[in-house]
Amino acid sequence: MKKPLLFLTALAFISTTAFSQKNEVIRLQSCTNDMISKQVDSLKGLYGDQGYVLLKEASISMESEFEMPVIVPLTQGSWYQFVFIGDYSSKLYEVRMYDWQERQVIFRQKRWGEIDGNVIVYSYVPNSSEFHMMKPVQVNKQKKKNLCGYVMLFKRTGADTGAVTPTHTKTY
């Protein structure tokens, strides 16, 4: 009699624990920030004039010191421009990008106070057609939650740009 009761108690505890952890998942939520919106509009115009087309964009509500993974399919030999814009009040901004084999192919970091410190931009030409993961993060000592971030992915277009033959990409 004791063993079935012990089993049922353990099962109930495990079920309760599993259901309570389900609510702790970080969900992607959009955000609005007037300063970031102005920077986004400016960068869209700038890259549009340089022959880039906007493929993907998203505003994301972030937590301080937590990476927000963004997965994108990239084509071998195409020239991409990635942009991450963080909350202006954050002190540190980082972006890491990984290929499908989980090798880090890009690492960029900026600090508050640098020129365009809340904007990280980098170009990338993939060696193969596969998914890549971009992981932006920002550190803010005053605001821990509801930090606004914005990611954009541009692709170079036009007859004069063509495909680029990738060279060895340095891993950071």
N, C-alpha and C. Protein backbone atom coordinates (compact mmCIF):
# COMPACT_ATOMS: atom_id res chain seq x y z
N MET A 1 0.81 -1.20 0.00
CA MET A 1 0.00 0.00 0.00
C MET A 1 0.86 1.27 0.00
N LYS A 2 2.00 1.23 0.69
CA LYS A 2 2.85 2.41 0.77
C LYS A 2 3.52 2.71 -0.56
N LYS A 3 3.93 1.67 -1.30
CA LYS A 3 4.65 1.89 -2.56
C LYS A 3 3.77 2.56 -3.61
N PRO A 4 2.53 2.14 -3.85
CA PRO A 4 1.71 2.85 -4.84
C PRO A 4 1.43 4.29 -4.43
N LEU A 5 1.24 4.52 -3.13
CA LEU A 5 0.99 5.88 -2.66
C LEU A 5 2.23 6.76 -2.86
N LEU A 6 3.40 6.21 -2.57
CA LEU A 6 4.65 6.92 -2.78
C LEU A 6 4.86 7.22 -4.26
N PHE A 7 4.55 6.24 -5.11
CA PHE A 7 4.69 6.41 -6.56
C PHE A 7 3.76 7.53 -7.06
N LEU A 8 2.50 7.52 -6.61
CA LEU A 8 1.55 8.55 -7.04
C LEU A 8 1.96 9.94 -6.55
N THR A 9 2.49 10.02 -5.35
CA THR A 9 2.95 11.30 -4.82
C THR A 9 4.13 11.83 -5.64
N ALA A 10 5.07 10.95 -5.95
CA ALA A 10 6.22 11.34 -6.77
C ALA A 10 5.78 11.77 -8.16
N LEU A 11 4.85 11.03 -8.76
CA LEU A 11 4.34 11.37 -10.09
C LEU A 11 3.64 12.74 -10.07
N ALA A 12 2.85 13.00 -9.05
CA ALA A 12 2.17 14.29 -8.94
C ALA A 12 3.18 15.43 -8.79
N PHE A 13 4.23 15.22 -8.01
CA PHE A 13 5.27 16.24 -7.82
C PHE A 13 5.99 16.53 -9.13
N ILE A 14 6.36 15.47 -9.85
CA ILE A 14 7.06 15.64 -11.13
C ILE A 14 6.17 16.37 -12.13
N SER A 15 4.90 16.01 -12.20
CA SER A 15 3.97 16.66 -13.13
C SER A 15 3.82 18.14 -12.80
N THR A 16 3.67 18.46 -11.52
CA THR A 16 3.54 19.85 -11.10
C THR A 16 4.78 20.65 -11.44
N THR A 17 5.95 20.07 -11.21
CA THR A 17 7.21 20.73 -11.52
C THR A 17 7.34 20.97 -13.02
N ALA A 18 6.98 19.98 -13.83
CA ALA A 18 7.08 20.11 -15.28
C ALA A 18 6.16 21.21 -15.79
N PHE A 19 4.93 21.28 -15.28
CA PHE A 19 4.00 22.30 -15.74
C PHE A 19 4.40 23.69 -15.27
N SER A 20 4.98 23.82 -14.10
CA SER A 20 5.39 25.14 -13.62
C SER A 20 6.59 25.66 -14.40
N GLN A 21 7.48 24.79 -14.86
CA GLN A 21 8.63 25.21 -15.65
C GLN A 21 8.22 25.64 -17.04
N LYS A 22 7.10 25.16 -17.52
CA LYS A 22 6.62 25.50 -18.86
C LYS A 22 6.41 27.01 -18.99
N ASN A 23 6.01 27.68 -17.93
CA ASN A 23 5.75 29.12 -17.97
C ASN A 23 7.01 29.96 -17.93
N GLU A 24 8.19 29.37 -17.70
CA GLU A 24 9.43 30.11 -17.59
C GLU A 24 10.16 30.26 -18.93
N VAL A 25 9.54 29.86 -20.01
CA VAL A 25 10.15 29.96 -21.33
C VAL A 25 10.15 31.42 -21.77
N ILE A 26 11.28 31.87 -22.28
CA ILE A 26 11.37 33.23 -22.81
C ILE A 26 10.74 33.24 -24.19
N ARG A 27 9.71 34.03 -24.36
CA ARG A 27 8.99 34.10 -25.63
C ARG A 27 9.39 35.38 -26.37
N LEU A 28 9.44 35.27 -27.69
CA LEU A 28 9.77 36.41 -28.53
C LEU A 28 8.59 37.39 -28.53
N GLN A 29 8.85 38.62 -28.10
CA GLN A 29 7.84 39.66 -28.09
C GLN A 29 8.42 40.90 -28.75
N SER A 30 7.57 41.61 -29.48
CA SER A 30 8.05 42.83 -30.12
C SER A 30 8.04 43.98 -29.12
N CYS A 31 8.68 45.07 -29.49
CA CYS A 31 8.74 46.25 -28.63
C CYS A 31 8.79 47.48 -29.52
N THR A 32 8.59 48.64 -28.91
CA THR A 32 8.71 49.90 -29.65
C THR A 32 9.59 50.86 -28.86
N ASN A 33 10.43 51.57 -29.60
CA ASN A 33 11.33 52.55 -29.02
C ASN A 33 11.56 53.60 -30.11
N ASP A 34 11.15 54.83 -29.86
CA ASP A 34 11.22 55.88 -30.88
C ASP A 34 12.64 56.12 -31.39
N MET A 35 13.61 56.09 -30.49
CA MET A 35 15.00 56.33 -30.90
C MET A 35 15.49 55.21 -31.83
N ILE A 36 15.18 53.97 -31.46
CA ILE A 36 15.57 52.84 -32.30
C ILE A 36 14.85 52.90 -33.64
N SER A 37 13.57 53.30 -33.65
CA SER A 37 12.81 53.41 -34.90
C SER A 37 13.46 54.40 -35.86
N LYS A 38 13.96 55.51 -35.34
CA LYS A 38 14.65 56.50 -36.19
C LYS A 38 15.94 55.91 -36.76
N GLN A 39 16.69 55.17 -35.94
CA GLN A 39 17.92 54.54 -36.42
C GLN A 39 17.60 53.49 -37.48
N VAL A 40 16.53 52.72 -37.28
CA VAL A 40 16.13 51.70 -38.24
C VAL A 40 15.80 52.34 -39.58
N ASP A 41 14.99 53.39 -39.57
CA ASP A 41 14.62 54.07 -40.81
C ASP A 41 15.84 54.62 -41.54
N SER A 42 16.76 55.19 -40.79
CA SER A 42 17.98 55.74 -41.37
C SER A 42 18.83 54.64 -42.02
N LEU A 43 19.00 53.52 -41.32
CA LEU A 43 19.81 52.42 -41.86
C LEU A 43 19.15 51.74 -43.06
N LYS A 44 17.83 51.63 -43.05
CA LYS A 44 17.13 51.06 -44.21
C LYS A 44 17.40 51.90 -45.46
N GLY A 45 17.32 53.22 -45.32
CA GLY A 45 17.60 54.11 -46.44
C GLY A 45 19.04 54.01 -46.90
N LEU A 46 19.96 53.99 -45.96
CA LEU A 46 21.39 53.90 -46.27
C LEU A 46 21.72 52.62 -47.04
N TYR A 47 21.27 51.47 -46.53
CA TYR A 47 21.60 50.21 -47.20
C TYR A 47 20.81 50.01 -48.49
N GLY A 48 19.60 50.57 -48.56
CA GLY A 48 18.85 50.53 -49.81
C GLY A 48 19.57 51.28 -50.92
N ASP A 49 20.16 52.43 -50.58
CA ASP A 49 20.93 53.21 -51.55
C ASP A 49 22.21 52.50 -51.98
N GLN A 50 22.73 51.61 -51.15
CA GLN A 50 23.96 50.88 -51.47
C GLN A 50 23.70 49.55 -52.18
N GLY A 51 22.44 49.29 -52.57
CA GLY A 51 22.14 48.08 -53.32
C GLY A 51 21.77 46.87 -52.48
N TYR A 52 21.36 47.10 -51.25
CA TYR A 52 20.91 46.00 -50.39
C TYR A 52 19.39 45.97 -50.34
N VAL A 53 18.85 44.77 -50.17
CA VAL A 53 17.42 44.61 -49.98
C VAL A 53 17.21 44.02 -48.58
N LEU A 54 16.20 44.51 -47.88
CA LEU A 54 15.91 44.03 -46.53
C LEU A 54 15.19 42.69 -46.62
N LEU A 55 15.79 41.64 -46.05
CA LEU A 55 15.19 40.31 -46.06
C LEU A 55 14.34 40.05 -44.83
N LYS A 56 14.87 40.37 -43.67
CA LYS A 56 14.17 40.12 -42.41
C LYS A 56 14.45 41.25 -41.44
N GLU A 57 13.45 41.52 -40.60
CA GLU A 57 13.62 42.51 -39.55
C GLU A 57 12.67 42.16 -38.41
N ALA A 58 13.07 42.49 -37.20
CA ALA A 58 12.21 42.23 -36.05
C ALA A 58 12.64 43.11 -34.88
N SER A 59 11.64 43.65 -34.21
CA SER A 59 11.91 44.30 -32.92
C SER A 59 11.71 43.22 -31.87
N ILE A 60 12.60 43.19 -30.89
CA ILE A 60 12.52 42.13 -29.89
C ILE A 60 12.69 42.70 -28.49
N SER A 61 11.81 42.27 -27.61
CA SER A 61 11.93 42.63 -26.20
C SER A 61 12.94 41.67 -25.57
N MET A 62 13.96 42.22 -24.93
CA MET A 62 15.06 41.42 -24.42
C MET A 62 15.22 41.62 -22.91
N GLU A 63 15.94 40.69 -22.29
CA GLU A 63 16.35 40.81 -20.90
C GLU A 63 17.85 41.05 -20.87
N SER A 64 18.30 41.83 -19.91
CA SER A 64 19.72 42.10 -19.76
C SER A 64 20.49 40.81 -19.54
N GLU A 65 21.59 40.66 -20.28
CA GLU A 65 22.52 39.54 -20.18
C GLU A 65 21.98 38.21 -20.71
N PHE A 66 20.84 38.22 -21.42
CA PHE A 66 20.30 37.01 -22.02
C PHE A 66 20.38 37.12 -23.54
N GLU A 67 21.00 36.13 -24.18
CA GLU A 67 21.07 36.10 -25.64
C GLU A 67 19.70 35.83 -26.21
N MET A 68 19.42 36.42 -27.37
CA MET A 68 18.17 36.18 -28.07
C MET A 68 18.53 35.58 -29.43
N PRO A 69 18.44 34.26 -29.58
CA PRO A 69 18.85 33.62 -30.84
C PRO A 69 17.92 33.96 -32.00
N VAL A 70 18.53 34.27 -33.14
CA VAL A 70 17.80 34.55 -34.38
C VAL A 70 18.41 33.64 -35.44
N ILE A 71 17.59 32.75 -36.01
CA ILE A 71 18.08 31.78 -36.99
C ILE A 71 17.66 32.23 -38.38
N VAL A 72 18.64 32.27 -39.30
CA VAL A 72 18.38 32.73 -40.67
C VAL A 72 19.04 31.79 -41.68
N PRO A 73 18.35 31.51 -42.80
CA PRO A 73 18.98 30.72 -43.87
C PRO A 73 19.82 31.64 -44.75
N LEU A 74 21.06 31.25 -45.01
CA LEU A 74 21.95 32.05 -45.85
C LEU A 74 22.41 31.23 -47.04
N THR A 75 22.66 31.91 -48.16
CA THR A 75 23.08 31.26 -49.40
C THR A 75 24.56 31.49 -49.64
N GLN A 76 25.25 30.42 -50.00
CA GLN A 76 26.70 30.48 -50.26
C GLN A 76 27.01 31.55 -51.30
N GLY A 77 28.02 32.36 -51.01
CA GLY A 77 28.49 33.35 -51.96
C GLY A 77 27.71 34.65 -51.98
N SER A 78 26.59 34.72 -51.28
CA SER A 78 25.82 35.97 -51.23
C SER A 78 26.39 36.88 -50.15
N TRP A 79 26.27 38.16 -50.38
CA TRP A 79 26.83 39.14 -49.47
C TRP A 79 25.71 39.68 -48.57
N TYR A 80 25.84 39.47 -47.28
CA TYR A 80 24.83 39.87 -46.31
C TYR A 80 25.35 40.96 -45.38
N GLN A 81 24.44 41.77 -44.93
CA GLN A 81 24.74 42.80 -43.94
C GLN A 81 23.78 42.57 -42.77
N PHE A 82 24.33 42.38 -41.58
CA PHE A 82 23.53 42.18 -40.38
C PHE A 82 23.59 43.42 -39.51
N VAL A 83 22.47 43.75 -38.90
CA VAL A 83 22.41 44.92 -38.03
C VAL A 83 21.68 44.54 -36.74
N PHE A 84 22.28 44.91 -35.61
CA PHE A 84 21.60 44.80 -34.32
C PHE A 84 21.64 46.18 -33.66
N ILE A 85 20.49 46.65 -33.21
CA ILE A 85 20.40 47.92 -32.50
C ILE A 85 19.87 47.62 -31.11
N GLY A 86 20.63 48.02 -30.09
CA GLY A 86 20.23 47.78 -28.71
C GLY A 86 19.66 49.02 -28.05
N ASP A 87 19.07 48.83 -26.90
CA ASP A 87 18.53 49.91 -26.09
C ASP A 87 19.66 50.90 -25.77
N TYR A 88 19.39 52.18 -25.97
CA TYR A 88 20.45 53.19 -25.82
C TYR A 88 21.02 53.25 -24.40
N SER A 89 20.24 52.84 -23.40
CA SER A 89 20.70 52.94 -22.01
C SER A 89 21.56 51.75 -21.58
N SER A 90 21.71 50.75 -22.43
CA SER A 90 22.55 49.59 -22.07
C SER A 90 24.02 49.98 -22.11
N LYS A 91 24.84 49.26 -21.39
CA LYS A 91 26.28 49.58 -21.29
C LYS A 91 27.15 48.73 -22.20
N LEU A 92 26.64 47.57 -22.62
CA LEU A 92 27.42 46.65 -23.44
C LEU A 92 26.50 45.98 -24.44
N TYR A 93 27.00 45.82 -25.67
CA TYR A 93 26.25 45.17 -26.74
C TYR A 93 27.16 44.15 -27.39
N GLU A 94 26.66 42.95 -27.64
CA GLU A 94 27.45 41.91 -28.32
C GLU A 94 26.58 41.16 -29.30
N VAL A 95 27.21 40.70 -30.37
CA VAL A 95 26.56 39.80 -31.31
C VAL A 95 27.57 38.71 -31.65
N ARG A 96 27.11 37.48 -31.56
CA ARG A 96 27.89 36.33 -31.99
C ARG A 96 27.07 35.63 -33.06
N MET A 97 27.76 35.13 -34.09
CA MET A 97 27.06 34.38 -35.12
C MET A 97 27.74 33.03 -35.29
N TYR A 98 26.91 31.99 -35.42
CA TYR A 98 27.39 30.63 -35.55
C TYR A 98 26.86 30.01 -36.84
N ASP A 99 27.69 29.15 -37.45
CA ASP A 99 27.21 28.41 -38.62
C ASP A 99 26.46 27.17 -38.15
N TRP A 100 26.04 26.33 -39.12
CA TRP A 100 25.23 25.15 -38.80
C TRP A 100 26.00 24.15 -37.94
N GLN A 101 27.32 24.13 -38.04
CA GLN A 101 28.14 23.22 -37.23
C GLN A 101 28.46 23.83 -35.86
N GLU A 102 27.80 24.94 -35.55
CA GLU A 102 27.96 25.64 -34.27
C GLU A 102 29.36 26.21 -34.06
N ARG A 103 30.03 26.55 -35.15
CA ARG A 103 31.31 27.26 -35.07
C ARG A 103 31.02 28.75 -35.07
N GLN A 104 31.67 29.46 -34.18
CA GLN A 104 31.48 30.91 -34.14
C GLN A 104 32.22 31.53 -35.32
N VAL A 105 31.48 32.25 -36.16
CA VAL A 105 32.08 32.86 -37.35
C VAL A 105 32.18 34.38 -37.22
N ILE A 106 31.42 34.97 -36.31
CA ILE A 106 31.46 36.42 -36.10
C ILE A 106 31.33 36.71 -34.61
N PHE A 107 32.11 37.68 -34.14
CA PHE A 107 31.94 38.22 -32.79
C PHE A 107 32.17 39.72 -32.87
N ARG A 108 31.19 40.49 -32.44
CA ARG A 108 31.32 41.94 -32.39
C ARG A 108 30.84 42.43 -31.03
N GLN A 109 31.52 43.45 -30.52
CA GLN A 109 31.16 44.00 -29.22
C GLN A 109 31.31 45.51 -29.26
N LYS A 110 30.37 46.20 -28.64
CA LYS A 110 30.45 47.65 -28.49
C LYS A 110 30.03 48.02 -27.08
N ARG A 111 30.54 49.16 -26.65
CA ARG A 111 30.22 49.66 -25.31
C ARG A 111 29.52 51.01 -25.42
N TRP A 112 28.75 51.32 -24.40
CA TRP A 112 28.07 52.60 -24.34
C TRP A 112 29.11 53.71 -24.38
N GLY A 113 28.83 54.75 -25.11
CA GLY A 113 29.75 55.88 -25.20
C GLY A 113 30.55 55.88 -26.49
N GLU A 114 30.66 54.73 -27.16
CA GLU A 114 31.33 54.70 -28.45
C GLU A 114 30.41 55.35 -29.48
N ILE A 115 30.99 55.82 -30.58
CA ILE A 115 30.18 56.37 -31.65
C ILE A 115 29.29 55.25 -32.18
N ASP A 116 28.00 55.53 -32.27
CA ASP A 116 27.01 54.51 -32.64
C ASP A 116 27.16 53.27 -31.78
N GLY A 117 27.40 53.47 -30.49
CA GLY A 117 27.66 52.37 -29.58
C GLY A 117 26.55 51.36 -29.46
N ASN A 118 25.30 51.77 -29.69
CA ASN A 118 24.20 50.82 -29.56
C ASN A 118 23.87 50.11 -30.88
N VAL A 119 24.69 50.32 -31.91
CA VAL A 119 24.46 49.68 -33.22
C VAL A 119 25.66 48.81 -33.57
N ILE A 120 25.39 47.54 -33.86
CA ILE A 120 26.44 46.64 -34.33
C ILE A 120 26.08 46.23 -35.75
N VAL A 121 27.02 46.45 -36.67
CA VAL A 121 26.82 46.12 -38.08
C VAL A 121 28.00 45.28 -38.54
N TYR A 122 27.72 44.22 -39.30
CA TYR A 122 28.81 43.45 -39.89
C TYR A 122 28.35 42.80 -41.19
N SER A 123 29.32 42.63 -42.10
CA SER A 123 29.09 41.95 -43.37
C SER A 123 29.51 40.50 -43.24
N TYR A 124 28.88 39.64 -44.04
CA TYR A 124 29.23 38.22 -43.98
C TYR A 124 28.90 37.57 -45.32
N VAL A 125 29.84 36.76 -45.81
CA VAL A 125 29.64 35.97 -47.01
C VAL A 125 29.81 34.50 -46.60
N PRO A 126 28.72 33.72 -46.57
CA PRO A 126 28.83 32.34 -46.10
C PRO A 126 29.58 31.44 -47.08
N ASN A 127 30.30 30.46 -46.52
CA ASN A 127 31.03 29.49 -47.33
C ASN A 127 30.13 28.39 -47.87
N SER A 128 28.95 28.22 -47.28
CA SER A 128 28.01 27.20 -47.75
C SER A 128 26.59 27.68 -47.46
N SER A 129 25.64 27.12 -48.20
CA SER A 129 24.23 27.47 -48.00
C SER A 129 23.70 26.66 -46.82
N GLU A 130 23.41 27.33 -45.73
CA GLU A 130 22.93 26.65 -44.53
C GLU A 130 22.36 27.69 -43.57
N PHE A 131 21.73 27.20 -42.52
CA PHE A 131 21.21 28.08 -41.48
C PHE A 131 22.36 28.60 -40.62
N HIS A 132 22.23 29.84 -40.21
CA HIS A 132 23.17 30.46 -39.27
C HIS A 132 22.36 31.02 -38.11
N MET A 133 22.99 31.09 -36.95
CA MET A 133 22.32 31.63 -35.77
C MET A 133 23.06 32.87 -35.29
N MET A 134 22.32 33.96 -35.20
CA MET A 134 22.84 35.23 -34.69
C MET A 134 22.33 35.37 -33.26
N LYS A 135 23.23 35.68 -32.32
CA LYS A 135 22.83 35.79 -30.91
C LYS A 135 23.20 37.17 -30.35
N PRO A 136 22.28 38.13 -30.45
CA PRO A 136 22.55 39.43 -29.84
C PRO A 136 22.28 39.39 -28.33
N VAL A 137 23.04 40.20 -27.60
CA VAL A 137 22.86 40.33 -26.15
C VAL A 137 23.22 41.76 -25.76
N GLN A 138 22.57 42.28 -24.74
CA GLN A 138 22.92 43.59 -24.22
C GLN A 138 22.89 43.54 -22.70
N VAL A 139 23.74 44.35 -22.09
CA VAL A 139 23.85 44.38 -20.63
C VAL A 139 23.41 45.76 -20.15
N ASN A 140 22.45 45.76 -19.25
CA ASN A 140 21.91 47.00 -18.72
C ASN A 140 21.76 46.84 -17.21
N LYS A 141 22.42 47.70 -16.45
CA LYS A 141 22.39 47.58 -14.98
C LYS A 141 21.11 48.15 -14.37
N GLN A 142 20.47 49.14 -15.02
CA GLN A 142 19.25 49.73 -14.47
C GLN A 142 18.00 48.92 -14.84
N LYS A 143 17.87 48.61 -16.12
CA LYS A 143 16.70 47.87 -16.60
C LYS A 143 17.11 46.43 -16.86
N LYS A 144 16.51 45.49 -16.19
CA LYS A 144 16.84 44.09 -16.39
C LYS A 144 15.93 43.44 -17.43
N LYS A 145 14.70 43.94 -17.54
CA LYS A 145 13.73 43.37 -18.48
C LYS A 145 13.19 44.46 -19.38
N ASN A 146 12.50 44.03 -20.43
CA ASN A 146 11.86 44.94 -21.37
C ASN A 146 12.82 45.90 -22.05
N LEU A 147 14.02 45.40 -22.35
CA LEU A 147 14.96 46.17 -23.17
C LEU A 147 14.55 45.98 -24.62
N CYS A 148 14.55 47.03 -25.38
CA CYS A 148 14.19 46.91 -26.78
C CYS A 148 15.44 46.66 -27.62
N GLY A 149 15.33 45.75 -28.55
CA GLY A 149 16.39 45.47 -29.50
C GLY A 149 15.78 45.33 -30.88
N TYR A 150 16.60 45.48 -31.90
CA TYR A 150 16.10 45.39 -33.28
C TYR A 150 17.15 44.70 -34.12
N VAL A 151 16.73 43.71 -34.90
CA VAL A 151 17.65 43.00 -35.79
C VAL A 151 17.17 43.14 -37.23
N MET A 152 18.14 43.29 -38.14
CA MET A 152 17.83 43.37 -39.57
C MET A 152 18.84 42.54 -40.35
N LEU A 153 18.37 41.93 -41.41
CA LEU A 153 19.22 41.17 -42.32
C LEU A 153 19.01 41.73 -43.72
N PHE A 154 20.10 42.23 -44.31
CA PHE A 154 20.08 42.76 -45.67
C PHE A 154 20.88 41.83 -46.57
N LYS A 155 20.51 41.79 -47.86
CA LYS A 155 21.26 41.02 -48.85
C LYS A 155 21.60 41.94 -50.01
N ARG A 156 22.83 41.84 -50.46
CA ARG A 156 23.30 42.67 -51.58
C ARG A 156 22.66 42.18 -52.86
N THR A 157 22.15 43.10 -53.67
CA THR A 157 21.52 42.74 -54.93
C THR A 157 22.10 43.59 -56.05
N GLY A 158 21.65 43.32 -57.26
CA GLY A 158 22.08 44.13 -58.39
C GLY A 158 23.07 43.40 -59.26
N ALA A 159 23.08 43.75 -60.54
CA ALA A 159 23.94 43.08 -61.51
C ALA A 159 25.42 43.34 -61.24
N ASP A 160 25.75 44.53 -60.76
CA ASP A 160 27.15 44.86 -60.56
C ASP A 160 27.77 44.19 -59.33
N THR A 161 26.94 43.71 -58.41
CA THR A 161 27.50 43.09 -57.20
C THR A 161 27.75 41.61 -57.40
N GLY A 162 26.80 40.92 -58.04
CA GLY A 162 26.97 39.49 -58.30
C GLY A 162 27.25 38.68 -57.07
N ALA A 163 27.57 37.42 -57.28
CA ALA A 163 27.93 36.55 -56.17
C ALA A 163 29.40 36.74 -55.85
N VAL A 164 29.75 36.54 -54.65
CA VAL A 164 31.12 36.69 -54.18
C VAL A 164 31.68 35.31 -53.91
N THR A 165 32.90 35.06 -54.35
CA THR A 165 33.54 33.80 -54.03
C THR A 165 34.10 33.91 -52.63
N PRO A 166 33.58 33.07 -51.71
CA PRO A 166 34.04 33.21 -50.33
C PRO A 166 35.49 32.78 -50.17
N THR A 167 36.20 33.51 -49.36
CA THR A 167 37.56 33.14 -48.99
C THR A 167 37.50 32.53 -47.61
N HIS A 168 38.63 32.11 -47.11
CA HIS A 168 38.64 31.52 -45.78
C HIS A 168 38.10 32.52 -44.78
N THR A 169 37.09 32.11 -44.02
CA THR A 169 36.50 32.97 -43.00
C THR A 169 37.19 32.71 -41.68
N LYS A 170 37.70 33.77 -41.10
CA LYS A 170 38.39 33.65 -39.81
C LYS A 170 37.37 33.37 -38.72
N THR A 171 37.62 32.38 -37.89
CA THR A 171 36.76 32.06 -36.78
C THR A 171 37.26 32.77 -35.54
N TYR A 172 36.36 33.44 -34.86
CA TYR A 172 36.72 34.19 -33.66
C TYR A 172 36.45 33.38 -32.43
